[in-house]
Amino acid sequence: MTQLSGSGPEALETAQAERAGAKFVWHFGRITRMGNYEITGTRGVTILWDEGGATSLRGQISEEQWEIFTLAFMTTGRIAVVSDYEHDGWMYDYRLLEAVR
């Protein structure tokens, strides 16, 4: 359990960064497409990353991730991931996923 030392988004961000550790890095992107494919019973999302590149994920999206993607898509379209994966591995790491205001 993480304990906040203040209130508001800054305290939450600080607590999350401390929990994640020094080797985790923030990466930002924009959701460009979302789909619910009834024939195959899967969902998909396409993300254009600020650092270059794009990813398309189809299937294997948890309910929690889908809610975050949907929230981001319906508001600013922006998401952020915090990842310790190197090279381009972070583009497929949705363990720590946030909708950005």
PDB file of N, CA and C in Angstrom:
ATOM      1  N   MET A   1       0.831  -1.164   0.000  1.00  0.00           N
ATOM      2  CA  MET A   1       0.000   0.000   0.000  1.00  0.00           C
ATOM      3  C   MET A   1       0.885   1.240   0.000  1.00  0.00           C
ATOM      4  N   THR A   2       0.540   2.217  -0.827  1.00  0.00           N
ATOM      5  CA  THR A   2       1.275   3.468  -0.912  1.00  0.00           C
ATOM      6  C   THR A   2       0.578   4.514  -0.076  1.00  0.00           C
ATOM      7  N   GLN A   3       1.345   5.245   0.731  1.00  0.00           N
ATOM      8  CA  GLN A   3       0.774   6.291   1.565  1.00  0.00           C
ATOM      9  C   GLN A   3       1.175   7.640   1.000  1.00  0.00           C
ATOM     10  N   LEU A   4       0.184   8.518   0.806  1.00  0.00           N
ATOM     11  CA  LEU A   4       0.443   9.842   0.261  1.00  0.00           C
ATOM     12  C   LEU A   4       0.851  10.798   1.363  1.00  0.00           C
ATOM     13  N   SER A   5       1.802  11.691   1.044  1.00  0.00           N
ATOM     14  CA  SER A   5       2.254  12.683   2.027  1.00  0.00           C
ATOM     15  C   SER A   5       1.580  14.024   1.801  1.00  0.00           C
ATOM     16  N   GLY A   6       0.610  14.079   0.923  1.00  0.00           N
ATOM     17  CA  GLY A   6      -0.119  15.312   0.641  1.00  0.00           C
ATOM     18  C   GLY A   6      -1.393  14.964  -0.088  1.00  0.00           C
ATOM     19  N   SER A   7      -1.983  15.952  -0.724  1.00  0.00           N
ATOM     20  CA  SER A   7      -3.191  15.681  -1.499  1.00  0.00           C
ATOM     21  C   SER A   7      -3.025  16.253  -2.897  1.00  0.00           C
ATOM     22  N   GLY A   8      -3.814  15.749  -3.801  1.00  0.00           N
ATOM     23  CA  GLY A   8      -3.781  16.251  -5.167  1.00  0.00           C
ATOM     24  C   GLY A   8      -2.937  15.403  -6.081  1.00  0.00           C
ATOM     25  N   PRO A   9      -2.943  15.786  -7.373  1.00  0.00           N
ATOM     26  CA  PRO A   9      -2.234  14.995  -8.382  1.00  0.00           C
ATOM     27  C   PRO A   9      -0.726  14.933  -8.173  1.00  0.00           C
ATOM     28  N   GLU A  10      -0.136  16.007  -7.641  1.00  0.00           N
ATOM     29  CA  GLU A  10       1.316  16.020  -7.452  1.00  0.00           C
ATOM     30  C   GLU A  10       1.740  14.979  -6.423  1.00  0.00           C
ATOM     31  N   ALA A  11       0.968  14.867  -5.330  1.00  0.00           N
ATOM     32  CA  ALA A  11       1.292  13.877  -4.295  1.00  0.00           C
ATOM     33  C   ALA A  11       1.139  12.465  -4.840  1.00  0.00           C
ATOM     34  N   LEU A  12       0.095  12.240  -5.636  1.00  0.00           N
ATOM     35  CA  LEU A  12      -0.113  10.924  -6.228  1.00  0.00           C
ATOM     36  C   LEU A  12       1.025  10.578  -7.185  1.00  0.00           C
ATOM     37  N   GLU A  13       1.421  11.533  -8.018  1.00  0.00           N
ATOM     38  CA  GLU A  13       2.511  11.295  -8.970  1.00  0.00           C
ATOM     39  C   GLU A  13       3.811  10.992  -8.238  1.00  0.00           C
ATOM     40  N   THR A  14       4.094  11.721  -7.176  1.00  0.00           N
ATOM     41  CA  THR A  14       5.303  11.492  -6.391  1.00  0.00           C
ATOM     42  C   THR A  14       5.289  10.097  -5.769  1.00  0.00           C
ATOM     43  N   ALA A  15       4.153   9.711  -5.194  1.00  0.00           N
ATOM     44  CA  ALA A  15       4.037   8.386  -4.581  1.00  0.00           C
ATOM     45  C   ALA A  15       4.200   7.288  -5.617  1.00  0.00           C
ATOM     46  N   GLN A  16       3.612   7.472  -6.798  1.00  0.00           N
ATOM     47  CA  GLN A  16       3.735   6.465  -7.849  1.00  0.00           C
ATOM     48  C   GLN A  16       5.176   6.347  -8.328  1.00  0.00           C
ATOM     49  N   ALA A  17       5.859   7.472  -8.474  1.00  0.00           N
ATOM     50  CA  ALA A  17       7.254   7.446  -8.917  1.00  0.00           C
ATOM     51  C   ALA A  17       8.136   6.758  -7.893  1.00  0.00           C
ATOM     52  N   GLU A  18       7.892   7.050  -6.605  1.00  0.00           N
ATOM     53  CA  GLU A  18       8.680   6.397  -5.555  1.00  0.00           C
ATOM     54  C   GLU A  18       8.442   4.892  -5.547  1.00  0.00           C
ATOM     55  N   ARG A  19       7.183   4.493  -5.749  1.00  0.00           N
ATOM     56  CA  ARG A  19       6.856   3.067  -5.769  1.00  0.00           C
ATOM     57  C   ARG A  19       7.476   2.390  -6.986  1.00  0.00           C
ATOM     58  N   ALA A  20       7.499   3.099  -8.115  1.00  0.00           N
ATOM     59  CA  ALA A  20       8.020   2.511  -9.346  1.00  0.00           C
ATOM     60  C   ALA A  20       9.532   2.330  -9.297  1.00  0.00           C
ATOM     61  N   GLY A  21      10.236   3.247  -8.674  1.00  0.00           N
ATOM     62  CA  GLY A  21      11.687   3.149  -8.596  1.00  0.00           C
ATOM     63  C   GLY A  21      12.365   3.997  -9.654  1.00  0.00           C
ATOM     64  N   ALA A  22      13.673   4.094  -9.565  1.00  0.00           N
ATOM     65  CA  ALA A  22      14.448   4.995 -10.410  1.00  0.00           C
ATOM     66  C   ALA A  22      14.533   4.549 -11.860  1.00  0.00           C
ATOM     67  N   LYS A  23      14.446   3.252 -12.126  1.00  0.00           N
ATOM     68  CA  LYS A  23      14.642   2.805 -13.495  1.00  0.00           C
ATOM     69  C   LYS A  23      13.371   2.836 -14.336  1.00  0.00           C
ATOM     70  N   PHE A  24      12.251   3.266 -13.767  1.00  0.00           N
ATOM     71  CA  PHE A  24      11.018   3.402 -14.526  1.00  0.00           C
ATOM     72  C   PHE A  24      10.980   4.762 -15.196  1.00  0.00           C
ATOM     73  N   VAL A  25      10.497   4.802 -16.445  1.00  0.00           N
ATOM     74  CA  VAL A  25      10.467   6.036 -17.235  1.00  0.00           C
ATOM     75  C   VAL A  25       9.054   6.252 -17.759  1.00  0.00           C
ATOM     76  N   TRP A  26       8.613   7.512 -17.760  1.00  0.00           N
ATOM     77  CA  TRP A  26       7.310   7.877 -18.322  1.00  0.00           C
ATOM     78  C   TRP A  26       7.407   7.961 -19.838  1.00  0.00           C
ATOM     79  N   HIS A  27       6.377   7.473 -20.541  1.00  0.00           N
ATOM     80  CA  HIS A  27       6.271   7.577 -21.991  1.00  0.00           C
ATOM     81  C   HIS A  27       4.845   8.012 -22.305  1.00  0.00           C
ATOM     82  N   PHE A  28       4.700   8.919 -23.279  1.00  0.00           N
ATOM     83  CA  PHE A  28       3.395   9.491 -23.590  1.00  0.00           C
ATOM     84  C   PHE A  28       3.000   9.215 -25.028  1.00  0.00           C
ATOM     85  N   GLY A  29       1.706   9.087 -25.244  1.00  0.00           N
ATOM     86  CA  GLY A  29       1.206   8.834 -26.585  1.00  0.00           C
ATOM     87  C   GLY A  29      -0.223   9.298 -26.748  1.00  0.00           C
ATOM     88  N   ARG A  30      -0.712   9.188 -27.981  1.00  0.00           N
ATOM     89  CA  ARG A  30      -2.079   9.580 -28.316  1.00  0.00           C
ATOM     90  C   ARG A  30      -2.794   8.384 -28.933  1.00  0.00           C
ATOM     91  N   ILE A  31      -3.987   8.093 -28.411  1.00  0.00           N
ATOM     92  CA  ILE A  31      -4.796   7.018 -28.964  1.00  0.00           C
ATOM     93  C   ILE A  31      -5.421   7.526 -30.258  1.00  0.00           C
ATOM     94  N   THR A  32      -5.168   6.843 -31.350  1.00  0.00           N
ATOM     95  CA  THR A  32      -5.688   7.283 -32.647  1.00  0.00           C
ATOM     96  C   THR A  32      -6.861   6.444 -33.122  1.00  0.00           C
ATOM     97  N   ARG A  33      -7.013   5.247 -32.568  1.00  0.00           N
ATOM     98  CA  ARG A  33      -8.106   4.373 -33.007  1.00  0.00           C
ATOM     99  C   ARG A  33      -8.437   3.367 -31.911  1.00  0.00           C
ATOM    100  N   MET A  34      -9.736   3.126 -31.739  1.00  0.00           N
ATOM    101  CA  MET A  34     -10.203   2.081 -30.829  1.00  0.00           C
ATOM    102  C   MET A  34     -11.276   1.295 -31.542  1.00  0.00           C
ATOM    103  N   GLY A  35     -11.376   0.017 -31.232  1.00  0.00           N
ATOM    104  CA  GLY A  35     -12.400  -0.794 -31.869  1.00  0.00           C
ATOM    105  C   GLY A  35     -12.820  -1.964 -31.006  1.00  0.00           C
ATOM    106  N   ASN A  36     -14.073  -2.352 -31.191  1.00  0.00           N
ATOM    107  CA  ASN A  36     -14.630  -3.523 -30.526  1.00  0.00           C
ATOM    108  C   ASN A  36     -15.045  -4.466 -31.647  1.00  0.00           C
ATOM    109  N   TYR A  37     -14.308  -5.543 -31.845  1.00  0.00           N
ATOM    110  CA  TYR A  37     -14.501  -6.437 -32.974  1.00  0.00           C
ATOM    111  C   TYR A  37     -15.390  -7.599 -32.567  1.00  0.00           C
ATOM    112  N   GLU A  38     -16.678  -7.472 -32.848  1.00  0.00           N
ATOM    113  CA  GLU A  38     -17.662  -8.446 -32.390  1.00  0.00           C
ATOM    114  C   GLU A  38     -17.479  -9.829 -33.013  1.00  0.00           C
ATOM    115  N   ILE A  39     -17.028  -9.894 -34.246  1.00  0.00           N
ATOM    116  CA  ILE A  39     -16.861 -11.187 -34.913  1.00  0.00           C
ATOM    117  C   ILE A  39     -15.878 -12.063 -34.146  1.00  0.00           C
ATOM    118  N   THR A  40     -14.773 -11.481 -33.713  1.00  0.00           N
ATOM    119  CA  THR A  40     -13.764 -12.252 -32.989  1.00  0.00           C
ATOM    120  C   THR A  40     -13.886 -12.088 -31.475  1.00  0.00           C
ATOM    121  N   GLY A  41     -14.759 -11.183 -31.037  1.00  0.00           N
ATOM    122  CA  GLY A  41     -14.932 -10.956 -29.608  1.00  0.00           C
ATOM    123  C   GLY A  41     -13.732 -10.310 -28.951  1.00  0.00           C
ATOM    124  N   THR A  42     -12.995  -9.490 -29.690  1.00  0.00           N
ATOM    125  CA  THR A  42     -11.807  -8.830 -29.154  1.00  0.00           C
ATOM    126  C   THR A  42     -11.951  -7.314 -29.243  1.00  0.00           C
ATOM    127  N   ARG A  43     -11.055  -6.647 -28.566  1.00  0.00           N
ATOM    128  CA  ARG A  43     -10.972  -5.193 -28.602  1.00  0.00           C
ATOM    129  C   ARG A  43      -9.598  -4.808 -29.131  1.00  0.00           C
ATOM    130  N   GLY A  44      -9.525  -3.602 -29.690  1.00  0.00           N
ATOM    131  CA  GLY A  44      -8.242  -3.150 -30.204  1.00  0.00           C
ATOM    132  C   GLY A  44      -8.038  -1.670 -29.965  1.00  0.00           C
ATOM    133  N   VAL A  45      -6.783  -1.290 -29.880  1.00  0.00           N
ATOM    134  CA  VAL A  45      -6.416   0.110 -29.699  1.00  0.00           C
ATOM    135  C   VAL A  45      -5.118   0.377 -30.457  1.00  0.00           C
ATOM    136  N   THR A  46      -5.037   1.543 -31.096  1.00  0.00           N
ATOM    137  CA  THR A  46      -3.826   1.966 -31.798  1.00  0.00           C
ATOM    138  C   THR A  46      -3.311   3.235 -31.142  1.00  0.00           C
ATOM    139  N   ILE A  47      -2.012   3.268 -30.851  1.00  0.00           N
ATOM    140  CA  ILE A  47      -1.396   4.394 -30.148  1.00  0.00           C
ATOM    141  C   ILE A  47      -0.236   4.931 -30.970  1.00  0.00           C
ATOM    142  N   LEU A  48      -0.193   6.245 -31.139  1.00  0.00           N
ATOM    143  CA  LEU A  48       0.923   6.941 -31.770  1.00  0.00           C
ATOM    144  C   LEU A  48       1.750   7.549 -30.644  1.00  0.00           C
ATOM    145  N   TRP A  49       3.012   7.127 -30.515  1.00  0.00           N
ATOM    146  CA  TRP A  49       3.859   7.538 -29.398  1.00  0.00           C
ATOM    147  C   TRP A  49       4.595   8.829 -29.689  1.00  0.00           C
ATOM    148  N   ASP A  50       4.713   9.689 -28.678  1.00  0.00           N
ATOM    149  CA  ASP A  50       5.409  10.969 -28.810  1.00  0.00           C
ATOM    150  C   ASP A  50       6.874  10.780 -29.191  1.00  0.00           C
ATOM    151  N   GLU A  51       7.477   9.699 -28.738  1.00  0.00           N
ATOM    152  CA  GLU A  51       8.897   9.439 -28.999  1.00  0.00           C
ATOM    153  C   GLU A  51       9.128   8.810 -30.365  1.00  0.00           C
ATOM    154  N   GLY A  52       8.052   8.619 -31.107  1.00  0.00           N
ATOM    155  CA  GLY A  52       8.142   7.993 -32.420  1.00  0.00           C
ATOM    156  C   GLY A  52       7.627   6.569 -32.364  1.00  0.00           C
ATOM    157  N   GLY A  53       7.047   6.145 -33.441  1.00  0.00           N
ATOM    158  CA  GLY A  53       6.526   4.796 -33.518  1.00  0.00           C
ATOM    159  C   GLY A  53       5.058   4.725 -33.158  1.00  0.00           C
ATOM    160  N   ALA A  54       4.483   3.604 -33.453  1.00  0.00           N
ATOM    161  CA  ALA A  54       3.079   3.351 -33.156  1.00  0.00           C
ATOM    162  C   ALA A  54       2.916   1.895 -32.776  1.00  0.00           C
ATOM    163  N   THR A  55       1.895   1.614 -31.967  1.00  0.00           N
ATOM    164  CA  THR A  55       1.581   0.239 -31.615  1.00  0.00           C
ATOM    165  C   THR A  55       0.104  -0.009 -31.848  1.00  0.00           C
ATOM    166  N   SER A  56      -0.201  -1.226 -32.202  1.00  0.00           N
ATOM    167  CA  SER A  56      -1.581  -1.645 -32.378  1.00  0.00           C
ATOM    168  C   SER A  56      -1.770  -2.906 -31.556  1.00  0.00           C
ATOM    169  N   LEU A  57      -2.647  -2.837 -30.594  1.00  0.00           N
ATOM    170  CA  LEU A  57      -2.899  -3.956 -29.696  1.00  0.00           C
ATOM    171  C   LEU A  57      -4.303  -4.462 -29.961  1.00  0.00           C
ATOM    172  N   ARG A  58      -4.430  -5.751 -30.198  1.00  0.00           N
ATOM    173  CA  ARG A  58      -5.743  -6.359 -30.451  1.00  0.00           C
ATOM    174  C   ARG A  58      -5.865  -7.603 -29.588  1.00  0.00           C
ATOM    175  N   GLY A  59      -6.963  -7.641 -28.808  1.00  0.00           N
ATOM    176  CA  GLY A  59      -7.115  -8.743 -27.859  1.00  0.00           C
ATOM    177  C   GLY A  59      -6.224  -8.521 -26.660  1.00  0.00           C
ATOM    178  N   GLN A  60      -6.265  -9.387 -25.715  1.00  0.00           N
ATOM    179  CA  GLN A  60      -5.396  -9.335 -24.536  1.00  0.00           C
ATOM    180  C   GLN A  60      -5.409  -7.976 -23.840  1.00  0.00           C
ATOM    181  N   ILE A  61      -6.551  -7.287 -23.853  1.00  0.00           N
ATOM    182  CA  ILE A  61      -6.710  -6.021 -23.148  1.00  0.00           C
ATOM    183  C   ILE A  61      -7.634  -6.284 -21.963  1.00  0.00           C
ATOM    184  N   SER A  62      -7.134  -6.014 -20.773  1.00  0.00           N
ATOM    185  CA  SER A  62      -7.947  -6.256 -19.580  1.00  0.00           C
ATOM    186  C   SER A  62      -9.077  -5.224 -19.494  1.00  0.00           C
ATOM    187  N   GLU A  63     -10.069  -5.515 -18.666  1.00  0.00           N
ATOM    188  CA  GLU A  63     -11.179  -4.575 -18.462  1.00  0.00           C
ATOM    189  C   GLU A  63     -10.663  -3.240 -17.931  1.00  0.00           C
ATOM    190  N   GLU A  64      -9.728  -3.301 -16.980  1.00  0.00           N
ATOM    191  CA  GLU A  64      -9.159  -2.079 -16.403  1.00  0.00           C
ATOM    192  C   GLU A  64      -8.438  -1.260 -17.467  1.00  0.00           C
ATOM    193  N   GLN A  65      -7.622  -1.901 -18.302  1.00  0.00           N
ATOM    194  CA  GLN A  65      -6.922  -1.195 -19.368  1.00  0.00           C
ATOM    195  C   GLN A  65      -7.913  -0.594 -20.363  1.00  0.00           C
ATOM    196  N   TRP A  66      -8.960  -1.356 -20.703  1.00  0.00           N
ATOM    197  CA  TRP A  66      -9.958  -0.875 -21.656  1.00  0.00           C
ATOM    198  C   TRP A  66     -10.644   0.387 -21.116  1.00  0.00           C
ATOM    199  N   GLU A  67     -10.951   0.407 -19.830  1.00  0.00           N
ATOM    200  CA  GLU A  67     -11.568   1.588 -19.219  1.00  0.00           C
ATOM    201  C   GLU A  67     -10.650   2.795 -19.311  1.00  0.00           C
ATOM    202  N   ILE A  68      -9.366   2.598 -19.070  1.00  0.00           N
ATOM    203  CA  ILE A  68      -8.401   3.700 -19.149  1.00  0.00           C
ATOM    204  C   ILE A  68      -8.269   4.182 -20.584  1.00  0.00           C
ATOM    205  N   PHE A  69      -8.137   3.255 -21.534  1.00  0.00           N
ATOM    206  CA  PHE A  69      -8.064   3.642 -22.951  1.00  0.00           C
ATOM    207  C   PHE A  69      -9.319   4.411 -23.370  1.00  0.00           C
ATOM    208  N   THR A  70     -10.491   3.940 -22.956  1.00  0.00           N
ATOM    209  CA  THR A  70     -11.752   4.585 -23.316  1.00  0.00           C
ATOM    210  C   THR A  70     -11.839   5.983 -22.721  1.00  0.00           C
ATOM    211  N   LEU A  71     -11.478   6.132 -21.447  1.00  0.00           N
ATOM    212  CA  LEU A  71     -11.478   7.440 -20.802  1.00  0.00           C
ATOM    213  C   LEU A  71     -10.568   8.413 -21.543  1.00  0.00           C
ATOM    214  N   ALA A  72      -9.368   7.961 -21.872  1.00  0.00           N
ATOM    215  CA  ALA A  72      -8.426   8.818 -22.587  1.00  0.00           C
ATOM    216  C   ALA A  72      -8.971   9.186 -23.964  1.00  0.00           C
ATOM    217  N   PHE A  73      -9.506   8.207 -24.679  1.00  0.00           N
ATOM    218  CA  PHE A  73     -10.007   8.427 -26.031  1.00  0.00           C
ATOM    219  C   PHE A  73     -11.159   9.425 -26.036  1.00  0.00           C
ATOM    220  N   MET A  74     -12.013   9.375 -25.014  1.00  0.00           N
ATOM    221  CA  MET A  74     -13.187  10.245 -24.962  1.00  0.00           C
ATOM    222  C   MET A  74     -12.872  11.637 -24.413  1.00  0.00           C
ATOM    223  N   THR A  75     -11.670  11.846 -23.888  1.00  0.00           N
ATOM    224  CA  THR A  75     -11.295  13.164 -23.363  1.00  0.00           C
ATOM    225  C   THR A  75     -10.169  13.745 -24.214  1.00  0.00           C
ATOM    226  N   THR A  76      -8.946  13.701 -23.740  1.00  0.00           N
ATOM    227  CA  THR A  76      -7.819  14.323 -24.445  1.00  0.00           C
ATOM    228  C   THR A  76      -7.196  13.437 -25.509  1.00  0.00           C
ATOM    229  N   GLY A  77      -7.452  12.118 -25.421  1.00  0.00           N
ATOM    230  CA  GLY A  77      -6.815  11.171 -26.338  1.00  0.00           C
ATOM    231  C   GLY A  77      -5.415  10.781 -25.913  1.00  0.00           C
ATOM    232  N   ARG A  78      -4.957  11.339 -24.795  1.00  0.00           N
ATOM    233  CA  ARG A  78      -3.583  11.125 -24.349  1.00  0.00           C
ATOM    234  C   ARG A  78      -3.501  10.052 -23.272  1.00  0.00           C
ATOM    235  N   ILE A  79      -2.449   9.246 -23.354  1.00  0.00           N
ATOM    236  CA  ILE A  79      -2.158   8.251 -22.323  1.00  0.00           C
ATOM    237  C   ILE A  79      -0.690   8.352 -21.936  1.00  0.00           C
ATOM    238  N   ALA A  80      -0.378   7.735 -20.812  1.00  0.00           N
ATOM    239  CA  ALA A  80       1.008   7.634 -20.356  1.00  0.00           C
ATOM    240  C   ALA A  80       1.219   6.237 -19.798  1.00  0.00           C
ATOM    241  N   VAL A  81       2.397   5.703 -20.031  1.00  0.00           N
ATOM    242  CA  VAL A  81       2.799   4.452 -19.405  1.00  0.00           C
ATOM    243  C   VAL A  81       4.108   4.704 -18.659  1.00  0.00           C
ATOM    244  N   VAL A  82       4.267   3.996 -17.564  1.00  0.00           N
ATOM    245  CA  VAL A  82       5.516   4.030 -16.809  1.00  0.00           C
ATOM    246  C   VAL A  82       6.090   2.628 -16.937  1.00  0.00           C
ATOM    247  N   SER A  83       7.300   2.546 -17.470  1.00  0.00           N
ATOM    248  CA  SER A  83       7.864   1.232 -17.753  1.00  0.00           C
ATOM    249  C   SER A  83       9.353   1.177 -17.438  1.00  0.00           C
ATOM    250  N   ASP A  84       9.788  -0.014 -17.064  1.00  0.00           N
ATOM    251  CA  ASP A  84      11.218  -0.257 -16.880  1.00  0.00           C
ATOM    252  C   ASP A  84      11.779  -1.084 -18.033  1.00  0.00           C
ATOM    253  N   TYR A  85      10.970  -1.322 -19.055  1.00  0.00           N
ATOM    254  CA  TYR A  85      11.438  -2.081 -20.223  1.00  0.00           C
ATOM    255  C   TYR A  85      12.357  -1.203 -21.065  1.00  0.00           C
ATOM    256  N   GLU A  86      13.386  -1.803 -21.606  1.00  0.00           N
ATOM    257  CA  GLU A  86      14.360  -1.075 -22.411  1.00  0.00           C
ATOM    258  C   GLU A  86      14.000  -1.107 -23.886  1.00  0.00           C
ATOM    259  N   HIS A  87      14.695  -0.295 -24.631  1.00  0.00           N
ATOM    260  CA  HIS A  87      14.528  -0.175 -26.086  1.00  0.00           C
ATOM    261  C   HIS A  87      13.063   0.126 -26.396  1.00  0.00           C
ATOM    262  N   ASP A  88      12.420  -0.594 -27.291  1.00  0.00           N
ATOM    263  CA  ASP A  88      11.025  -0.333 -27.637  1.00  0.00           C
ATOM    264  C   ASP A  88      10.042  -1.175 -26.832  1.00  0.00           C
ATOM    265  N   GLY A  89      10.537  -1.957 -25.884  1.00  0.00           N
ATOM    266  CA  GLY A  89       9.668  -2.818 -25.092  1.00  0.00           C
ATOM    267  C   GLY A  89       8.598  -2.076 -24.318  1.00  0.00           C
ATOM    268  N   TRP A  90       8.886  -0.832 -23.937  1.00  0.00           N
ATOM    269  CA  TRP A  90       7.911  -0.039 -23.185  1.00  0.00           C
ATOM    270  C   TRP A  90       6.637   0.229 -23.988  1.00  0.00           C
ATOM    271  N   MET A  91       6.717   0.177 -25.320  1.00  0.00           N
ATOM    272  CA  MET A  91       5.536   0.432 -26.156  1.00  0.00           C
ATOM    273  C   MET A  91       4.461  -0.637 -25.968  1.00  0.00           C
ATOM    274  N   TYR A  92       4.830  -1.765 -25.409  1.00  0.00           N
ATOM    275  CA  TYR A  92       3.893  -2.877 -25.217  1.00  0.00           C
ATOM    276  C   TYR A  92       3.683  -3.197 -23.736  1.00  0.00           C
ATOM    277  N   ASP A  93       4.125  -2.316 -22.861  1.00  0.00           N
ATOM    278  CA  ASP A  93       4.052  -2.526 -21.419  1.00  0.00           C
ATOM    279  C   ASP A  93       2.933  -1.656 -20.845  1.00  0.00           C
ATOM    280  N   TYR A  94       1.805  -2.278 -20.525  1.00  0.00           N
ATOM    281  CA  TYR A  94       0.648  -1.524 -20.027  1.00  0.00           C
ATOM    282  C   TYR A  94       0.361  -1.841 -18.560  1.00  0.00           C
ATOM    283  N   ARG A  95       1.398  -2.256 -17.818  1.00  0.00           N
ATOM    284  CA  ARG A  95       1.210  -2.550 -16.390  1.00  0.00           C
ATOM    285  C   ARG A  95       0.832  -1.292 -15.629  1.00  0.00           C
ATOM    286  N   LEU A  96       1.478  -0.169 -15.926  1.00  0.00           N
ATOM    287  CA  LEU A  96       1.219   1.118 -15.274  1.00  0.00           C
ATOM    288  C   LEU A  96       0.752   2.094 -16.343  1.00  0.00           C
ATOM    289  N   LEU A  97      -0.535   2.167 -16.527  1.00  0.00           N
ATOM    290  CA  LEU A  97      -1.168   2.916 -17.612  1.00  0.00           C
ATOM    291  C   LEU A  97      -2.065   3.992 -17.017  1.00  0.00           C
ATOM    292  N   GLU A  98      -2.022   5.202 -17.595  1.00  0.00           N
ATOM    293  CA  GLU A  98      -2.857   6.302 -17.117  1.00  0.00           C
ATOM    294  C   GLU A  98      -3.432   7.077 -18.284  1.00  0.00           C
ATOM    295  N   ALA A  99      -4.650   7.586 -18.086  1.00  0.00           N
ATOM    296  CA  ALA A  99      -5.224   8.572 -19.003  1.00  0.00           C
ATOM    297  C   ALA A  99      -4.670   9.928 -18.573  1.00  0.00           C
ATOM    298  N   VAL A 100      -4.258  10.748 -19.530  1.00  0.00           N
ATOM    299  CA  VAL A 100      -3.670  12.052 -19.227  1.00  0.00           C
ATOM    300  C   VAL A 100      -4.709  13.138 -19.459  1.00  0.00           C
ATOM    301  N   ARG A 101      -4.819  14.051 -18.513  1.00  0.00           N
ATOM    302  CA  ARG A 101      -5.763  15.160 -18.653  1.00  0.00           C
ATOM    303  C   ARG A 101      -5.244  16.219 -19.568  1.00  0.00           C
TER     304      ARG A 101
END
